[in-house]
Amino acid sequence: MEIIRTTADVITVNLGPKDALAIKNALNEVCNGIHLDDWDFRLRMGVDRDQAQVMLRTIYDSITVMEEQRLGKGKQR
């Protein structure tokens, strides 16, 4: 992982395959693996469950694209 830029509103990062997978797995676990009431989810995560699920879908889709491109170049997932 490499931090590219940090501003008051945005952190821009480059994630390698393992970094992206770790984030996806953590989001998946908290969104789907353990049960937290909505209020507890918000308290612990700092975001609503819906927002976390959007983040999970976004990173999942990006990892899928990354894996397809890596496989196209003969690299491992």
N, C-alpha and C. Protein backbone atom coordinates (compact mmCIF):
# COMPACT_ATOMS: atom_id res chain seq x y z
N MET A 1 0.85 -1.16 0.00
CA MET A 1 0.00 0.00 0.00
C MET A 1 0.89 1.22 0.00
N GLU A 2 0.49 2.19 -0.80
CA GLU A 2 1.23 3.44 -0.89
C GLU A 2 0.24 4.61 -0.80
N ILE A 3 0.51 5.51 0.13
CA ILE A 3 -0.29 6.72 0.23
C ILE A 3 0.21 7.70 -0.83
N ILE A 4 -0.66 8.08 -1.72
CA ILE A 4 -0.29 8.98 -2.81
C ILE A 4 -0.45 10.43 -2.39
N ARG A 5 -1.57 10.71 -1.75
CA ARG A 5 -1.87 12.10 -1.40
C ARG A 5 -2.89 12.13 -0.27
N THR A 6 -2.75 13.09 0.61
CA THR A 6 -3.70 13.29 1.69
C THR A 6 -4.12 14.75 1.70
N THR A 7 -5.43 14.96 1.67
CA THR A 7 -5.97 16.31 1.77
C THR A 7 -6.99 16.33 2.91
N ALA A 8 -7.61 17.46 3.11
CA ALA A 8 -8.62 17.57 4.16
C ALA A 8 -9.84 16.69 3.87
N ASP A 9 -10.06 16.33 2.61
CA ASP A 9 -11.26 15.60 2.22
C ASP A 9 -11.03 14.21 1.64
N VAL A 10 -9.80 13.90 1.19
CA VAL A 10 -9.55 12.66 0.46
C VAL A 10 -8.17 12.12 0.78
N ILE A 11 -8.11 10.79 0.91
CA ILE A 11 -6.82 10.10 0.96
C ILE A 11 -6.76 9.24 -0.30
N THR A 12 -5.74 9.45 -1.11
CA THR A 12 -5.56 8.68 -2.34
C THR A 12 -4.49 7.63 -2.08
N VAL A 13 -4.84 6.36 -2.32
CA VAL A 13 -3.90 5.27 -2.06
C VAL A 13 -3.81 4.34 -3.26
N ASN A 14 -2.67 3.69 -3.38
CA ASN A 14 -2.50 2.57 -4.31
C ASN A 14 -2.52 1.32 -3.47
N LEU A 15 -3.37 0.36 -3.85
CA LEU A 15 -3.45 -0.91 -3.13
C LEU A 15 -2.95 -2.02 -4.04
N GLY A 16 -2.07 -2.84 -3.51
CA GLY A 16 -1.67 -4.04 -4.21
C GLY A 16 -2.72 -5.12 -4.01
N PRO A 17 -2.57 -6.25 -4.67
CA PRO A 17 -3.57 -7.32 -4.57
C PRO A 17 -3.81 -7.79 -3.13
N LYS A 18 -2.77 -7.96 -2.35
CA LYS A 18 -2.94 -8.44 -0.99
C LYS A 18 -3.60 -7.40 -0.10
N ASP A 19 -3.26 -6.12 -0.30
CA ASP A 19 -3.87 -5.04 0.48
C ASP A 19 -5.37 -4.97 0.18
N ALA A 20 -5.72 -5.00 -1.09
CA ALA A 20 -7.12 -4.92 -1.49
C ALA A 20 -7.90 -6.11 -0.96
N LEU A 21 -7.31 -7.29 -1.02
CA LEU A 21 -7.97 -8.50 -0.53
C LEU A 21 -8.20 -8.41 0.98
N ALA A 22 -7.23 -7.90 1.73
CA ALA A 22 -7.38 -7.76 3.18
C ALA A 22 -8.53 -6.82 3.52
N ILE A 23 -8.64 -5.71 2.81
CA ILE A 23 -9.73 -4.77 3.05
C ILE A 23 -11.07 -5.39 2.69
N LYS A 24 -11.11 -6.06 1.54
CA LYS A 24 -12.36 -6.73 1.13
C LYS A 24 -12.79 -7.76 2.15
N ASN A 25 -11.85 -8.57 2.62
CA ASN A 25 -12.18 -9.61 3.58
C ASN A 25 -12.67 -9.02 4.90
N ALA A 26 -12.05 -7.95 5.35
CA ALA A 26 -12.48 -7.30 6.59
C ALA A 26 -13.88 -6.73 6.45
N LEU A 27 -14.14 -6.05 5.34
CA LEU A 27 -15.48 -5.51 5.11
C LEU A 27 -16.51 -6.62 4.99
N ASN A 28 -16.16 -7.68 4.29
CA ASN A 28 -17.08 -8.79 4.14
C ASN A 28 -17.42 -9.40 5.50
N GLU A 29 -16.43 -9.57 6.33
CA GLU A 29 -16.65 -10.17 7.65
C GLU A 29 -17.57 -9.31 8.50
N VAL A 30 -17.32 -8.02 8.51
CA VAL A 30 -18.14 -7.15 9.35
C VAL A 30 -19.54 -6.95 8.77
N CYS A 31 -19.66 -6.98 7.44
CA CYS A 31 -20.98 -6.81 6.81
C CYS A 31 -21.80 -8.10 6.82
N ASN A 32 -21.14 -9.24 6.70
CA ASN A 32 -21.86 -10.49 6.49
C ASN A 32 -21.54 -11.61 7.48
N GLY A 33 -20.40 -11.52 8.14
CA GLY A 33 -19.97 -12.65 8.97
C GLY A 33 -20.41 -12.58 10.41
N ILE A 34 -20.40 -11.41 10.98
CA ILE A 34 -20.81 -11.25 12.38
C ILE A 34 -22.08 -10.45 12.44
N HIS A 35 -22.89 -10.74 13.44
CA HIS A 35 -24.14 -9.99 13.54
C HIS A 35 -23.98 -8.84 14.52
N LEU A 36 -24.23 -7.64 14.04
CA LEU A 36 -24.29 -6.45 14.87
C LEU A 36 -25.59 -5.75 14.55
N ASP A 37 -26.29 -5.29 15.57
CA ASP A 37 -27.45 -4.45 15.34
C ASP A 37 -26.99 -3.20 14.60
N ASP A 38 -27.90 -2.56 13.87
CA ASP A 38 -27.53 -1.39 13.08
C ASP A 38 -26.88 -0.30 13.92
N TRP A 39 -27.42 -0.04 15.12
CA TRP A 39 -26.84 1.01 15.96
C TRP A 39 -25.45 0.64 16.42
N ASP A 40 -25.22 -0.66 16.72
CA ASP A 40 -23.91 -1.12 17.16
C ASP A 40 -22.92 -1.10 16.01
N PHE A 41 -23.40 -1.46 14.83
CA PHE A 41 -22.55 -1.42 13.63
C PHE A 41 -22.03 -0.01 13.43
N ARG A 42 -22.94 0.97 13.47
CA ARG A 42 -22.57 2.38 13.28
C ARG A 42 -21.59 2.84 14.34
N LEU A 43 -21.84 2.45 15.57
CA LEU A 43 -20.97 2.84 16.67
C LEU A 43 -19.57 2.27 16.50
N ARG A 44 -19.48 1.00 16.15
CA ARG A 44 -18.18 0.33 16.04
C ARG A 44 -17.42 0.69 14.77
N MET A 45 -18.16 0.84 13.67
CA MET A 45 -17.51 1.06 12.38
C MET A 45 -17.38 2.52 11.99
N GLY A 46 -18.24 3.36 12.53
CA GLY A 46 -18.18 4.78 12.18
C GLY A 46 -18.92 5.12 10.91
N VAL A 47 -19.53 4.12 10.29
CA VAL A 47 -20.35 4.31 9.08
C VAL A 47 -21.57 3.41 9.20
N ASP A 48 -22.62 3.75 8.46
CA ASP A 48 -23.81 2.89 8.42
C ASP A 48 -23.50 1.62 7.66
N ARG A 49 -24.26 0.56 7.94
CA ARG A 49 -24.08 -0.72 7.26
C ARG A 49 -24.21 -0.57 5.74
N ASP A 50 -25.19 0.24 5.29
CA ASP A 50 -25.38 0.44 3.85
C ASP A 50 -24.13 1.03 3.21
N GLN A 51 -23.50 1.98 3.87
CA GLN A 51 -22.28 2.59 3.33
C GLN A 51 -21.15 1.56 3.27
N ALA A 52 -21.03 0.75 4.31
CA ALA A 52 -19.99 -0.29 4.32
C ALA A 52 -20.23 -1.30 3.20
N GLN A 53 -21.50 -1.65 2.95
CA GLN A 53 -21.82 -2.59 1.88
C GLN A 53 -21.51 -2.01 0.50
N VAL A 54 -21.72 -0.71 0.33
CA VAL A 54 -21.34 -0.06 -0.93
C VAL A 54 -19.82 -0.13 -1.10
N MET A 55 -19.09 0.13 -0.02
CA MET A 55 -17.63 0.05 -0.08
C MET A 55 -17.18 -1.37 -0.44
N LEU A 56 -17.84 -2.35 0.17
CA LEU A 56 -17.52 -3.75 -0.11
C LEU A 56 -17.76 -4.09 -1.57
N ARG A 57 -18.91 -3.70 -2.10
CA ARG A 57 -19.21 -3.98 -3.52
C ARG A 57 -18.20 -3.29 -4.44
N THR A 58 -17.84 -2.06 -4.10
CA THR A 58 -16.90 -1.30 -4.93
C THR A 58 -15.53 -1.96 -4.95
N ILE A 59 -15.02 -2.33 -3.79
CA ILE A 59 -13.70 -2.95 -3.76
C ILE A 59 -13.74 -4.35 -4.35
N TYR A 60 -14.85 -5.08 -4.16
CA TYR A 60 -15.00 -6.39 -4.77
C TYR A 60 -14.93 -6.28 -6.30
N ASP A 61 -15.66 -5.33 -6.85
CA ASP A 61 -15.65 -5.13 -8.31
C ASP A 61 -14.26 -4.75 -8.79
N SER A 62 -13.57 -3.91 -8.05
CA SER A 62 -12.22 -3.49 -8.44
C SER A 62 -11.24 -4.65 -8.39
N ILE A 63 -11.38 -5.50 -7.37
CA ILE A 63 -10.51 -6.67 -7.27
C ILE A 63 -10.77 -7.62 -8.44
N THR A 64 -12.01 -7.78 -8.83
CA THR A 64 -12.34 -8.63 -9.98
C THR A 64 -11.64 -8.13 -11.23
N VAL A 65 -11.68 -6.83 -11.47
CA VAL A 65 -11.00 -6.24 -12.62
C VAL A 65 -9.49 -6.45 -12.50
N MET A 66 -8.94 -6.22 -11.32
CA MET A 66 -7.50 -6.41 -11.10
C MET A 66 -7.10 -7.85 -11.39
N GLU A 67 -7.88 -8.80 -10.89
CA GLU A 67 -7.55 -10.21 -11.11
C GLU A 67 -7.61 -10.58 -12.59
N GLU A 68 -8.61 -10.08 -13.30
CA GLU A 68 -8.71 -10.35 -14.74
C GLU A 68 -7.49 -9.80 -15.48
N GLN A 69 -7.09 -8.60 -15.12
CA GLN A 69 -5.92 -7.99 -15.77
C GLN A 69 -4.64 -8.73 -15.42
N ARG A 70 -4.51 -9.14 -14.17
CA ARG A 70 -3.32 -9.89 -13.76
C ARG A 70 -3.25 -11.23 -14.49
N LEU A 71 -4.39 -11.92 -14.56
CA LEU A 71 -4.40 -13.20 -15.25
C LEU A 71 -4.08 -13.03 -16.74
N GLY A 72 -4.55 -11.93 -17.32
CA GLY A 72 -4.26 -11.63 -18.72
C GLY A 72 -2.78 -11.39 -18.98
N LYS A 73 -2.08 -10.99 -17.94
CA LYS A 73 -0.63 -10.76 -18.05
C LYS A 73 0.19 -11.94 -17.53
N GLY A 74 -0.51 -13.05 -17.22
CA GLY A 74 0.18 -14.24 -16.76
C GLY A 74 0.62 -14.18 -15.31
N LYS A 75 0.06 -13.28 -14.52
CA LYS A 75 0.42 -13.15 -13.11
C LYS A 75 -0.59 -13.93 -12.27
N GLN A 76 -0.18 -14.19 -11.03
CA GLN A 76 -1.09 -14.83 -10.09
C GLN A 76 -2.12 -13.82 -9.61
N ARG A 77 -3.26 -14.35 -9.15
CA ARG A 77 -4.29 -13.48 -8.58
C ARG A 77 -3.70 -12.80 -7.40
